[in-house]
Structure formats: C-alpha cells, structure tokens
Amino acid sequence: MFEPGHLHINRMRLLPSDSGFSIDIHYTIADQCRAVEFSVDGTINDAEVHEHFSLPRDTAFNFASNIDHILRRHGVLTPEFMSLKAHHEYDAMFEDIRARLHASNGEPIDPSHLG
C-alpha cells in the first residue's frame, strides 16, 4: 500500500521453504533536496528488521535495488520484492520522490555515486 512518503509491502509465507516479509519503507527528502533518507522497518522471515540508508539525489531513483539487497541479506533470495502485481506502487513511489526532489528527465548522474 502506497501513500506519499511511505510504502508498505508484504508477502505471506505459504510453504515452509518460502520467504515472508512485512516491511514499511519510509522516506524523506534531506539536505535541501540533495539526498533521500530511507528507513526499512518490519519483519523478514520472522526476524525484526530496522535498517536505514541514504541515497544522493541523482541515484535516489534506484531505491528498489537497495531494498532488494536488504531483503537478500535477510534470506529472501528470489525476486519477490519486485512483483508485477505491486509494480504500480513502486511507480507511484518513484514519481513521489521525483516530485519531492523537483527532478526532471535527463539530469546528469555523478559517476562517483555509482557502484
């Protein structure tokens, strides 16, 4: 479920071999629109998770990769996070971040922010 500044995603564990998670992703614009601060809180495979990360303005739109890495570190080894069923919610989050940053297509990316 998406609302500006927050995305909640969950996946029920259906089989013992499945991964399950219920996480809240909150984000705020920081440093006068030069960065986006993210917090990921909830449960992943029945373990409490509280992680934070910051992305520079030019790479903030790659937030899904960082969230995927968090899920993988906690045992979610398949691409369940980026399900097509919920893709419209990621699109809404992307557009909200873009609007909050007053970003436009074609803005350059600082190569030192990659990798």
PDB file of N, CA and C in Angstrom:
ATOM      1  N   MET A   1       0.838  -1.162   0.000  1.00  0.00           N
ATOM      2  CA  MET A   1       0.000   0.000   0.000  1.00  0.00           C
ATOM      3  C   MET A   1       0.894   1.241   0.000  1.00  0.00           C
ATOM      4  N   PHE A   2       0.653   2.146  -0.940  1.00  0.00           N
ATOM      5  CA  PHE A   2       1.454   3.360  -1.067  1.00  0.00           C
ATOM      6  C   PHE A   2       0.673   4.577  -0.595  1.00  0.00           C
ATOM      7  N   GLU A   3       1.377   5.439   0.095  1.00  0.00           N
ATOM      8  CA  GLU A   3       0.919   6.800   0.348  1.00  0.00           C
ATOM      9  C   GLU A   3       2.181   7.646   0.317  1.00  0.00           C
ATOM     10  N   PRO A   4       2.104   8.901  -0.063  1.00  0.00           N
ATOM     11  CA  PRO A   4       3.321   9.708  -0.183  1.00  0.00           C
ATOM     12  C   PRO A   4       4.196   9.626   1.072  1.00  0.00           C
ATOM     13  N   GLY A   5       5.468   9.292   0.856  1.00  0.00           N
ATOM     14  CA  GLY A   5       6.424   9.150   1.947  1.00  0.00           C
ATOM     15  C   GLY A   5       6.476   7.779   2.584  1.00  0.00           C
ATOM     16  N   HIS A   6       5.626   6.851   2.123  1.00  0.00           N
ATOM     17  CA  HIS A   6       5.540   5.540   2.771  1.00  0.00           C
ATOM     18  C   HIS A   6       5.026   4.482   1.796  1.00  0.00           C
ATOM     19  N   LEU A   7       5.682   3.330   1.826  1.00  0.00           N
ATOM     20  CA  LEU A   7       5.217   2.163   1.077  1.00  0.00           C
ATOM     21  C   LEU A   7       5.247   0.965   2.012  1.00  0.00           C
ATOM     22  N   HIS A   8       4.131   0.262   2.101  1.00  0.00           N
ATOM     23  CA  HIS A   8       4.073  -0.982   2.870  1.00  0.00           C
ATOM     24  C   HIS A   8       3.946  -2.127   1.875  1.00  0.00           C
ATOM     25  N   ILE A   9       4.832  -3.114   2.020  1.00  0.00           N
ATOM     26  CA  ILE A   9       4.738  -4.306   1.176  1.00  0.00           C
ATOM     27  C   ILE A   9       4.826  -5.536   2.062  1.00  0.00           C
ATOM     28  N   ASN A  10       4.128  -6.564   1.652  1.00  0.00           N
ATOM     29  CA  ASN A  10       4.207  -7.813   2.407  1.00  0.00           C
ATOM     30  C   ASN A  10       4.013  -8.995   1.475  1.00  0.00           C
ATOM     31  N   ARG A  11       4.535 -10.100   1.930  1.00  0.00           N
ATOM     32  CA  ARG A  11       4.377 -11.375   1.240  1.00  0.00           C
ATOM     33  C   ARG A  11       4.243 -12.434   2.311  1.00  0.00           C
ATOM     34  N   MET A  12       3.142 -13.142   2.266  1.00  0.00           N
ATOM     35  CA  MET A  12       2.919 -14.206   3.245  1.00  0.00           C
ATOM     36  C   MET A  12       3.753 -15.427   2.891  1.00  0.00           C
ATOM     37  N   ARG A  13       4.250 -16.073   3.911  1.00  0.00           N
ATOM     38  CA  ARG A  13       4.967 -17.330   3.740  1.00  0.00           C
ATOM     39  C   ARG A  13       3.918 -18.427   3.600  1.00  0.00           C
ATOM     40  N   LEU A  14       3.826 -19.037   2.428  1.00  0.00           N
ATOM     41  CA  LEU A  14       2.812 -20.055   2.172  1.00  0.00           C
ATOM     42  C   LEU A  14       3.304 -21.469   2.466  1.00  0.00           C
ATOM     43  N   LEU A  15       4.579 -21.697   2.245  1.00  0.00           N
ATOM     44  CA  LEU A  15       5.199 -23.002   2.499  1.00  0.00           C
ATOM     45  C   LEU A  15       6.402 -22.798   3.411  1.00  0.00           C
ATOM     46  N   PRO A  16       6.813 -23.823   4.128  1.00  0.00           N
ATOM     47  CA  PRO A  16       7.985 -23.672   4.997  1.00  0.00           C
ATOM     48  C   PRO A  16       9.235 -23.211   4.243  1.00  0.00           C
ATOM     49  N   SER A  17       9.333 -23.544   2.969  1.00  0.00           N
ATOM     50  CA  SER A  17      10.501 -23.154   2.184  1.00  0.00           C
ATOM     51  C   SER A  17      10.393 -21.735   1.617  1.00  0.00           C
ATOM     52  N   ASP A  18       9.236 -21.098   1.761  1.00  0.00           N
ATOM     53  CA  ASP A  18       9.024 -19.738   1.249  1.00  0.00           C
ATOM     54  C   ASP A  18       9.663 -18.695   2.160  1.00  0.00           C
ATOM     55  N   SER A  19       9.841 -17.529   1.589  1.00  0.00           N
ATOM     56  CA  SER A  19      10.218 -16.350   2.365  1.00  0.00           C
ATOM     57  C   SER A  19       8.967 -15.527   2.604  1.00  0.00           C
ATOM     58  N   GLY A  20       8.932 -14.870   3.725  1.00  0.00           N
ATOM     59  CA  GLY A  20       7.820 -13.982   4.035  1.00  0.00           C
ATOM     60  C   GLY A  20       8.338 -12.687   4.618  1.00  0.00           C
ATOM     61  N   PHE A  21       7.638 -11.611   4.345  1.00  0.00           N
ATOM     62  CA  PHE A  21       8.045 -10.332   4.907  1.00  0.00           C
ATOM     63  C   PHE A  21       6.865  -9.381   4.975  1.00  0.00           C
ATOM     64  N   SER A  22       6.993  -8.445   5.868  1.00  0.00           N
ATOM     65  CA  SER A  22       6.053  -7.338   6.001  1.00  0.00           C
ATOM     66  C   SER A  22       6.894  -6.141   6.404  1.00  0.00           C
ATOM     67  N   ILE A  23       7.121  -5.233   5.454  1.00  0.00           N
ATOM     68  CA  ILE A  23       8.009  -4.104   5.729  1.00  0.00           C
ATOM     69  C   ILE A  23       7.345  -2.782   5.369  1.00  0.00           C
ATOM     70  N   ASP A  24       7.742  -1.783   6.121  1.00  0.00           N
ATOM     71  CA  ASP A  24       7.341  -0.406   5.861  1.00  0.00           C
ATOM     72  C   ASP A  24       8.575   0.358   5.417  1.00  0.00           C
ATOM     73  N   ILE A  25       8.456   1.012   4.287  1.00  0.00           N
ATOM     74  CA  ILE A  25       9.535   1.828   3.749  1.00  0.00           C
ATOM     75  C   ILE A  25       9.084   3.282   3.872  1.00  0.00           C
ATOM     76  N   HIS A  26       9.800   4.036   4.681  1.00  0.00           N
ATOM     77  CA  HIS A  26       9.520   5.466   4.827  1.00  0.00           C
ATOM     78  C   HIS A  26      10.680   6.229   4.198  1.00  0.00           C
ATOM     79  N   TYR A  27      10.372   7.366   3.611  1.00  0.00           N
ATOM     80  CA  TYR A  27      11.428   8.164   3.010  1.00  0.00           C
ATOM     81  C   TYR A  27      11.124   9.648   3.169  1.00  0.00           C
ATOM     82  N   THR A  28      12.211  10.405   3.314  1.00  0.00           N
ATOM     83  CA  THR A  28      12.123  11.857   3.433  1.00  0.00           C
ATOM     84  C   THR A  28      13.239  12.481   2.611  1.00  0.00           C
ATOM     85  N   ILE A  29      12.994  13.680   2.176  1.00  0.00           N
ATOM     86  CA  ILE A  29      13.997  14.431   1.431  1.00  0.00           C
ATOM     87  C   ILE A  29      14.894  15.126   2.449  1.00  0.00           C
ATOM     88  N   ALA A  30      16.199  15.073   2.212  1.00  0.00           N
ATOM     89  CA  ALA A  30      17.160  15.627   3.163  1.00  0.00           C
ATOM     90  C   ALA A  30      18.146  16.553   2.453  1.00  0.00           C
ATOM     91  N   ASP A  31      18.850  17.305   3.250  1.00  0.00           N
ATOM     92  CA  ASP A  31      19.961  18.130   2.778  1.00  0.00           C
ATOM     93  C   ASP A  31      19.558  19.025   1.608  1.00  0.00           C
ATOM     94  N   GLN A  32      18.447  19.720   1.763  1.00  0.00           N
ATOM     95  CA  GLN A  32      17.958  20.674   0.759  1.00  0.00           C
ATOM     96  C   GLN A  32      17.851  20.039  -0.630  1.00  0.00           C
ATOM     97  N   CYS A  33      17.178  18.908  -0.680  1.00  0.00           N
ATOM     98  CA  CYS A  33      16.909  18.161  -1.928  1.00  0.00           C
ATOM     99  C   CYS A  33      18.163  17.547  -2.545  1.00  0.00           C
ATOM    100  N   ARG A  34      19.206  17.323  -1.737  1.00  0.00           N
ATOM    101  CA  ARG A  34      20.409  16.684  -2.270  1.00  0.00           C
ATOM    102  C   ARG A  34      20.485  15.195  -1.956  1.00  0.00           C
ATOM    103  N   ALA A  35      19.529  14.696  -1.143  1.00  0.00           N
ATOM    104  CA  ALA A  35      19.546  13.278  -0.774  1.00  0.00           C
ATOM    105  C   ALA A  35      18.151  12.850  -0.341  1.00  0.00           C
ATOM    106  N   VAL A  36      17.964  11.540  -0.329  1.00  0.00           N
ATOM    107  CA  VAL A  36      16.729  10.955   0.186  1.00  0.00           C
ATOM    108  C   VAL A  36      17.124   9.958   1.263  1.00  0.00           C
ATOM    109  N   GLU A  37      16.515  10.096   2.437  1.00  0.00           N
ATOM    110  CA  GLU A  37      16.750   9.191   3.564  1.00  0.00           C
ATOM    111  C   GLU A  37      15.643   8.143   3.578  1.00  0.00           C
ATOM    112  N   PHE A  38      16.030   6.878   3.673  1.00  0.00           N
ATOM    113  CA  PHE A  38      15.088   5.767   3.684  1.00  0.00           C
ATOM    114  C   PHE A  38      15.215   4.997   4.991  1.00  0.00           C
ATOM    115  N   SER A  39      14.095   4.516   5.497  1.00  0.00           N
ATOM    116  CA  SER A  39      14.115   3.573   6.616  1.00  0.00           C
ATOM    117  C   SER A  39      13.236   2.389   6.233  1.00  0.00           C
ATOM    118  N   VAL A  40      13.717   1.211   6.564  1.00  0.00           N
ATOM    119  CA  VAL A  40      13.004  -0.038   6.287  1.00  0.00           C
ATOM    120  C   VAL A  40      12.810  -0.732   7.630  1.00  0.00           C
ATOM    121  N   ASP A  41      11.554  -0.880   8.031  1.00  0.00           N
ATOM    122  CA  ASP A  41      11.230  -1.471   9.325  1.00  0.00           C
ATOM    123  C   ASP A  41      10.149  -2.525   9.140  1.00  0.00           C
ATOM    124  N   GLY A  42      10.252  -3.594   9.906  1.00  0.00           N
ATOM    125  CA  GLY A  42       9.238  -4.641   9.854  1.00  0.00           C
ATOM    126  C   GLY A  42       9.839  -5.988  10.173  1.00  0.00           C
ATOM    127  N   THR A  43       9.300  -7.017   9.537  1.00  0.00           N
ATOM    128  CA  THR A  43       9.814  -8.374   9.731  1.00  0.00           C
ATOM    129  C   THR A  43      10.125  -9.001   8.382  1.00  0.00           C
ATOM    130  N   ILE A  44      11.217  -9.740   8.370  1.00  0.00           N
ATOM    131  CA  ILE A  44      11.613 -10.522   7.201  1.00  0.00           C
ATOM    132  C   ILE A  44      11.927 -11.913   7.712  1.00  0.00           C
ATOM    133  N   ASN A  45      11.200 -12.897   7.212  1.00  0.00           N
ATOM    134  CA  ASN A  45      11.366 -14.279   7.670  1.00  0.00           C
ATOM    135  C   ASN A  45      11.314 -14.365   9.198  1.00  0.00           C
ATOM    136  N   ASP A  46      10.329 -13.702   9.765  1.00  0.00           N
ATOM    137  CA  ASP A  46      10.051 -13.709  11.206  1.00  0.00           C
ATOM    138  C   ASP A  46      11.107 -13.019  12.061  1.00  0.00           C
ATOM    139  N   ALA A  47      12.037 -12.300  11.461  1.00  0.00           N
ATOM    140  CA  ALA A  47      13.049 -11.558  12.215  1.00  0.00           C
ATOM    141  C   ALA A  47      12.775 -10.059  12.079  1.00  0.00           C
ATOM    142  N   GLU A  48      12.901  -9.344  13.193  1.00  0.00           N
ATOM    143  CA  GLU A  48      12.716  -7.890  13.172  1.00  0.00           C
ATOM    144  C   GLU A  48      13.834  -7.238  12.359  1.00  0.00           C
ATOM    145  N   VAL A  49      13.467  -6.243  11.577  1.00  0.00           N
ATOM    146  CA  VAL A  49      14.431  -5.526  10.743  1.00  0.00           C
ATOM    147  C   VAL A  49      14.216  -4.027  10.935  1.00  0.00           C
ATOM    148  N   HIS A  50      15.331  -3.316  11.146  1.00  0.00           N
ATOM    149  CA  HIS A  50      15.319  -1.858  11.234  1.00  0.00           C
ATOM    150  C   HIS A  50      16.588  -1.381  10.534  1.00  0.00           C
ATOM    151  N   GLU A  51      16.458  -0.966   9.293  1.00  0.00           N
ATOM    152  CA  GLU A  51      17.623  -0.538   8.523  1.00  0.00           C
ATOM    153  C   GLU A  51      17.358   0.830   7.922  1.00  0.00           C
ATOM    154  N   HIS A  52      18.431   1.579   7.763  1.00  0.00           N
ATOM    155  CA  HIS A  52      18.345   2.924   7.209  1.00  0.00           C
ATOM    156  C   HIS A  52      19.423   3.075   6.147  1.00  0.00           C
ATOM    157  N   PHE A  53      19.123   3.838   5.124  1.00  0.00           N
ATOM    158  CA  PHE A  53      20.130   4.173   4.126  1.00  0.00           C
ATOM    159  C   PHE A  53      19.769   5.507   3.497  1.00  0.00           C
ATOM    160  N   SER A  54      20.766   6.124   2.902  1.00  0.00           N
ATOM    161  CA  SER A  54      20.596   7.411   2.251  1.00  0.00           C
ATOM    162  C   SER A  54      21.125   7.291   0.831  1.00  0.00           C
ATOM    163  N   LEU A  55      20.437   7.919  -0.098  1.00  0.00           N
ATOM    164  CA  LEU A  55      20.888   7.933  -1.486  1.00  0.00           C
ATOM    165  C   LEU A  55      20.991   9.375  -1.964  1.00  0.00           C
ATOM    166  N   PRO A  56      22.066   9.692  -2.685  1.00  0.00           N
ATOM    167  CA  PRO A  56      22.162  11.031  -3.257  1.00  0.00           C
ATOM    168  C   PRO A  56      21.021  11.268  -4.249  1.00  0.00           C
ATOM    169  N   ARG A  57      20.697  12.505  -4.449  1.00  0.00           N
ATOM    170  CA  ARG A  57      19.592  12.895  -5.325  1.00  0.00           C
ATOM    171  C   ARG A  57      19.633  12.177  -6.676  1.00  0.00           C
ATOM    172  N   ASP A  58      20.809  12.132  -7.288  1.00  0.00           N
ATOM    173  CA  ASP A  58      20.888  11.598  -8.651  1.00  0.00           C
ATOM    174  C   ASP A  58      20.720  10.083  -8.727  1.00  0.00           C
ATOM    175  N   THR A  59      20.894   9.368  -7.625  1.00  0.00           N
ATOM    176  CA  THR A  59      20.705   7.911  -7.645  1.00  0.00           C
ATOM    177  C   THR A  59      19.557   7.460  -6.742  1.00  0.00           C
ATOM    178  N   ALA A  60      18.791   8.401  -6.231  1.00  0.00           N
ATOM    179  CA  ALA A  60      17.685   8.065  -5.320  1.00  0.00           C
ATOM    180  C   ALA A  60      16.626   7.197  -5.987  1.00  0.00           C
ATOM    181  N   PHE A  61      16.551   7.261  -7.302  1.00  0.00           N
ATOM    182  CA  PHE A  61      15.521   6.500  -8.013  1.00  0.00           C
ATOM    183  C   PHE A  61      15.868   5.021  -8.114  1.00  0.00           C
ATOM    184  N   ASN A  62      17.042   4.653  -7.637  1.00  0.00           N
ATOM    185  CA  ASN A  62      17.471   3.257  -7.622  1.00  0.00           C
ATOM    186  C   ASN A  62      17.190   2.617  -6.259  1.00  0.00           C
ATOM    187  N   PHE A  63      16.221   3.167  -5.530  1.00  0.00           N
ATOM    188  CA  PHE A  63      15.900   2.701  -4.176  1.00  0.00           C
ATOM    189  C   PHE A  63      15.546   1.225  -4.130  1.00  0.00           C
ATOM    190  N   ALA A  64      14.899   0.702  -5.176  1.00  0.00           N
ATOM    191  CA  ALA A  64      14.462  -0.697  -5.159  1.00  0.00           C
ATOM    192  C   ALA A  64      15.650  -1.649  -5.063  1.00  0.00           C
ATOM    193  N   SER A  65      16.766  -1.283  -5.658  1.00  0.00           N
ATOM    194  CA  SER A  65      17.959  -2.126  -5.575  1.00  0.00           C
ATOM    195  C   SER A  65      18.443  -2.224  -4.133  1.00  0.00           C
ATOM    196  N   ASN A  66      18.467  -1.109  -3.425  1.00  0.00           N
ATOM    197  CA  ASN A  66      18.895  -1.128  -2.024  1.00  0.00           C
ATOM    198  C   ASN A  66      17.951  -1.959  -1.164  1.00  0.00           C
ATOM    199  N   ILE A  67      16.658  -1.831  -1.408  1.00  0.00           N
ATOM    200  CA  ILE A  67      15.681  -2.605  -0.633  1.00  0.00           C
ATOM    201  C   ILE A  67      15.813  -4.087  -0.953  1.00  0.00           C
ATOM    202  N   ASP A  68      16.056  -4.404  -2.215  1.00  0.00           N
ATOM    203  CA  ASP A  68      16.280  -5.796  -2.604  1.00  0.00           C
ATOM    204  C   ASP A  68      17.502  -6.364  -1.879  1.00  0.00           C
ATOM    205  N   HIS A  69      18.564  -5.581  -1.758  1.00  0.00           N
ATOM    206  CA  HIS A  69      19.762  -6.042  -1.034  1.00  0.00           C
ATOM    207  C   HIS A  69      19.454  -6.308   0.438  1.00  0.00           C
ATOM    208  N   ILE A  70      18.639  -5.462   1.051  1.00  0.00           N
ATOM    209  CA  ILE A  70      18.247  -5.686   2.450  1.00  0.00           C
ATOM    210  C   ILE A  70      17.493  -7.005   2.574  1.00  0.00           C
ATOM    211  N   LEU A  71      16.532  -7.224   1.690  1.00  0.00           N
ATOM    212  CA  LEU A  71      15.766  -8.474   1.731  1.00  0.00           C
ATOM    213  C   LEU A  71      16.674  -9.682   1.533  1.00  0.00           C
ATOM    214  N   ARG A  72      17.598  -9.603   0.604  1.00  0.00           N
ATOM    215  CA  ARG A  72      18.512 -10.729   0.351  1.00  0.00           C
ATOM    216  C   ARG A  72      19.402 -11.008   1.559  1.00  0.00           C
ATOM    217  N   ARG A  73      19.876  -9.939   2.221  1.00  0.00           N
ATOM    218  CA  ARG A  73      20.696 -10.138   3.430  1.00  0.00           C
ATOM    219  C   ARG A  73      19.924 -10.870   4.513  1.00  0.00           C
ATOM    220  N   HIS A  74      18.606 -10.767   4.471  1.00  0.00           N
ATOM    221  CA  HIS A  74      17.764 -11.408   5.481  1.00  0.00           C
ATOM    222  C   HIS A  74      17.093 -12.677   4.958  1.00  0.00           C
ATOM    223  N   GLY A  75      17.618 -13.226   3.863  1.00  0.00           N
ATOM    224  CA  GLY A  75      17.185 -14.544   3.424  1.00  0.00           C
ATOM    225  C   GLY A  75      16.146 -14.615   2.325  1.00  0.00           C
ATOM    226  N   VAL A  76      15.701 -13.487   1.792  1.00  0.00           N
ATOM    227  CA  VAL A  76      14.764 -13.516   0.662  1.00  0.00           C
ATOM    228  C   VAL A  76      15.619 -13.582  -0.597  1.00  0.00           C
ATOM    229  N   LEU A  77      15.689 -14.762  -1.199  1.00  0.00           N
ATOM    230  CA  LEU A  77      16.636 -14.978  -2.291  1.00  0.00           C
ATOM    231  C   LEU A  77      15.997 -14.993  -3.673  1.00  0.00           C
ATOM    232  N   THR A  78      14.730 -14.725  -3.751  1.00  0.00           N
ATOM    233  CA  THR A  78      14.059 -14.668  -5.048  1.00  0.00           C
ATOM    234  C   THR A  78      13.486 -13.263  -5.227  1.00  0.00           C
ATOM    235  N   PRO A  79      13.142 -12.892  -6.439  1.00  0.00           N
ATOM    236  CA  PRO A  79      12.695 -11.513  -6.692  1.00  0.00           C
ATOM    237  C   PRO A  79      11.258 -11.233  -6.251  1.00  0.00           C
ATOM    238  N   GLU A  80      10.874 -11.692  -5.066  1.00  0.00           N
ATOM    239  CA  GLU A  80       9.505 -11.496  -4.587  1.00  0.00           C
ATOM    240  C   GLU A  80       9.196 -10.030  -4.309  1.00  0.00           C
ATOM    241  N   PHE A  81      10.205  -9.250  -4.006  1.00  0.00           N
ATOM    242  CA  PHE A  81      10.001  -7.841  -3.694  1.00  0.00           C
ATOM    243  C   PHE A  81       9.441  -7.080  -4.896  1.00  0.00           C
ATOM    244  N   MET A  82       9.930  -7.378  -6.076  1.00  0.00           N
ATOM    245  CA  MET A  82       9.538  -6.618  -7.257  1.00  0.00           C
ATOM    246  C   MET A  82       8.446  -7.319  -8.056  1.00  0.00           C
ATOM    247  N   SER A  83       7.438  -7.792  -7.401  1.00  0.00           N
ATOM    248  CA  SER A  83       6.367  -8.490  -8.104  1.00  0.00           C
ATOM    249  C   SER A  83       5.634  -7.539  -9.040  1.00  0.00           C
ATOM    250  N   LEU A  84       5.222  -8.053 -10.170  1.00  0.00           N
ATOM    251  CA  LEU A  84       4.483  -7.239 -11.135  1.00  0.00           C
ATOM    252  C   LEU A  84       3.150  -6.781 -10.565  1.00  0.00           C
ATOM    253  N   LYS A  85       2.591  -7.561  -9.670  1.00  0.00           N
ATOM    254  CA  LYS A  85       1.311  -7.224  -9.058  1.00  0.00           C
ATOM    255  C   LYS A  85       1.375  -5.875  -8.343  1.00  0.00           C
ATOM    256  N   ALA A  86       2.503  -5.581  -7.738  1.00  0.00           N
ATOM    257  CA  ALA A  86       2.637  -4.349  -6.960  1.00  0.00           C
ATOM    258  C   ALA A  86       3.443  -3.277  -7.687  1.00  0.00           C
ATOM    259  N   HIS A  87       3.748  -3.500  -8.964  1.00  0.00           N
ATOM    260  CA  HIS A  87       4.628  -2.570  -9.675  1.00  0.00           C
ATOM    261  C   HIS A  87       4.075  -1.148  -9.696  1.00  0.00           C
ATOM    262  N   HIS A  88       2.766  -0.992  -9.751  1.00  0.00           N
ATOM    263  CA  HIS A  88       2.180   0.356  -9.769  1.00  0.00           C
ATOM    264  C   HIS A  88       2.508   1.126  -8.488  1.00  0.00           C
ATOM    265  N   GLU A  89       2.700   0.409  -7.380  1.00  0.00           N
ATOM    266  CA  GLU A  89       3.066   1.084  -6.133  1.00  0.00           C
ATOM    267  C   GLU A  89       4.503   1.598  -6.179  1.00  0.00           C
ATOM    268  N   TYR A  90       5.422   0.840  -6.795  1.00  0.00           N
ATOM    269  CA  TYR A  90       6.796   1.306  -6.946  1.00  0.00           C
ATOM    270  C   TYR A  90       6.828   2.502  -7.890  1.00  0.00           C
ATOM    271  N   ASP A  91       6.014   2.457  -8.951  1.00  0.00           N
ATOM    272  CA  ASP A  91       5.932   3.593  -9.870  1.00  0.00           C
ATOM    273  C   ASP A  91       5.445   4.842  -9.138  1.00  0.00           C
ATOM    274  N   ALA A  92       4.451   4.686  -8.267  1.00  0.00           N
ATOM    275  CA  ALA A  92       3.930   5.825  -7.504  1.00  0.00           C
ATOM    276  C   ALA A  92       4.997   6.375  -6.561  1.00  0.00           C
ATOM    277  N   MET A  93       5.758   5.485  -5.928  1.00  0.00           N
ATOM    278  CA  MET A  93       6.828   5.919  -5.033  1.00  0.00           C
ATOM    279  C   MET A  93       7.900   6.663  -5.824  1.00  0.00           C
ATOM    280  N   PHE A  94       8.277   6.131  -6.971  1.00  0.00           N
ATOM    281  CA  PHE A  94       9.256   6.764  -7.853  1.00  0.00           C
ATOM    282  C   PHE A  94       8.792   8.177  -8.210  1.00  0.00           C
ATOM    283  N   GLU A  95       7.547   8.306  -8.635  1.00  0.00           N
ATOM    284  CA  GLU A  95       7.016   9.613  -9.035  1.00  0.00           C
ATOM    285  C   GLU A  95       6.943  10.574  -7.853  1.00  0.00           C
ATOM    286  N   ASP A  96       6.613  10.073  -6.671  1.00  0.00           N
ATOM    287  CA  ASP A  96       6.562  10.926  -5.489  1.00  0.00           C
ATOM    288  C   ASP A  96       7.952  11.447  -5.147  1.00  0.00           C
ATOM    289  N   ILE A  97       8.957  10.584  -5.198  1.00  0.00           N
ATOM    290  CA  ILE A  97      10.333  11.016  -4.929  1.00  0.00           C
ATOM    291  C   ILE A  97      10.756  12.048  -5.964  1.00  0.00           C
ATOM    292  N   ARG A  98      10.438  11.782  -7.208  1.00  0.00           N
ATOM    293  CA  ARG A  98      10.795  12.715  -8.285  1.00  0.00           C
ATOM    294  C   ARG A  98      10.161  14.091  -8.056  1.00  0.00           C
ATOM    295  N   ALA A  99       8.891  14.106  -7.679  1.00  0.00           N
ATOM    296  CA  ALA A  99       8.204  15.376  -7.428  1.00  0.00           C
ATOM    297  C   ALA A  99       8.802  16.097  -6.221  1.00  0.00           C
ATOM    298  N   ARG A 100       9.105  15.355  -5.160  1.00  0.00           N
ATOM    299  CA  ARG A 100       9.663  15.978  -3.953  1.00  0.00           C
ATOM    300  C   ARG A 100      11.050  16.561  -4.200  1.00  0.00           C
ATOM    301  N   LEU A 101      11.808  15.918  -5.106  1.00  0.00           N
ATOM    302  CA  LEU A 101      13.144  16.411  -5.444  1.00  0.00           C
ATOM    303  C   LEU A 101      13.108  17.481  -6.532  1.00  0.00           C
ATOM    304  N   HIS A 102      11.943  17.696  -7.117  1.00  0.00           N
ATOM    305  CA  HIS A 102      11.807  18.606  -8.266  1.00  0.00           C
ATOM    306  C   HIS A 102      12.767  18.179  -9.374  1.00  0.00           C
ATOM    307  N   ALA A 103      12.848  16.876  -9.601  1.00  0.00           N
ATOM    308  CA  ALA A 103      13.760  16.307 -10.591  1.00  0.00           C
ATOM    309  C   ALA A 103      13.087  16.256 -11.958  1.00  0.00           C
ATOM    310  N   SER A 104      13.909  16.264 -12.981  1.00  0.00           N
ATOM    311  CA  SER A 104      13.376  16.161 -14.339  1.00  0.00           C
ATOM    312  C   SER A 104      14.206  15.158 -15.132  1.00  0.00           C
ATOM    313  N   ASN A 105      13.636  14.681 -16.211  1.00  0.00           N
ATOM    314  CA  ASN A 105      14.337  13.726 -17.071  1.00  0.00           C
ATOM    315  C   ASN A 105      15.621  14.349 -17.602  1.00  0.00           C
ATOM    316  N   GLY A 106      16.645  13.521 -17.713  1.00  0.00           N
ATOM    317  CA  GLY A 106      17.889  13.962 -18.316  1.00  0.00           C
ATOM    318  C   GLY A 106      18.876  14.613 -17.375  1.00  0.00           C
ATOM    319  N   GLU A 107      18.569  14.685 -16.079  1.00  0.00           N
ATOM    320  CA  GLU A 107      19.540  15.254 -15.148  1.00  0.00           C
ATOM    321  C   GLU A 107      20.762  14.343 -15.082  1.00  0.00           C
ATOM    322  N   PRO A 108      21.959  14.918 -15.036  1.00  0.00           N
ATOM    323  CA  PRO A 108      23.166  14.080 -15.021  1.00  0.00           C
ATOM    324  C   PRO A 108      23.314  13.310 -13.709  1.00  0.00           C
ATOM    325  N   ILE A 109      24.041  12.206 -13.801  1.00  0.00           N
ATOM    326  CA  ILE A 109      24.371  11.384 -12.634  1.00  0.00           C
ATOM    327  C   ILE A 109      25.862  11.524 -12.378  1.00  0.00           C
ATOM    328  N   ASP A 110      26.222  11.761 -11.144  1.00  0.00           N
ATOM    329  CA  ASP A 110      27.623  11.850 -10.752  1.00  0.00           C
ATOM    330  C   ASP A 110      28.196  10.435 -10.733  1.00  0.00           C
ATOM    331  N   PRO A 111      29.184  10.131 -11.590  1.00  0.00           N
ATOM    332  CA  PRO A 111      29.736   8.765 -11.630  1.00  0.00           C
ATOM    333  C   PRO A 111      30.279   8.283 -10.287  1.00  0.00           C
ATOM    334  N   SER A 112      30.699   9.194  -9.420  1.00  0.00           N
ATOM    335  CA  SER A 112      31.224   8.764  -8.118  1.00  0.00           C
ATOM    336  C   SER A 112      30.120   8.206  -7.220  1.00  0.00           C
ATOM    337  N   HIS A 113      28.849   8.446  -7.564  1.00  0.00           N
ATOM    338  CA  HIS A 113      27.729   7.905  -6.784  1.00  0.00           C
ATOM    339  C   HIS A 113      27.348   6.495  -7.217  1.00  0.00           C
ATOM    340  N   LEU A 114      27.952   5.998  -8.280  1.00  0.00           N
ATOM    341  CA  LEU A 114      27.634   4.654  -8.775  1.00  0.00           C
ATOM    342  C   LEU A 114      28.582   3.636  -8.161  1.00  0.00           C
ATOM    343  N   GLY A 115      28.073   2.433  -7.956  1.00  0.00           N
ATOM    344  CA  GLY A 115      28.925   1.346  -7.505  1.00  0.00           C
ATOM    345  C   GLY A 115      28.945   1.132  -6.096  1.00  0.00           C
TER     346      GLY A 115
END
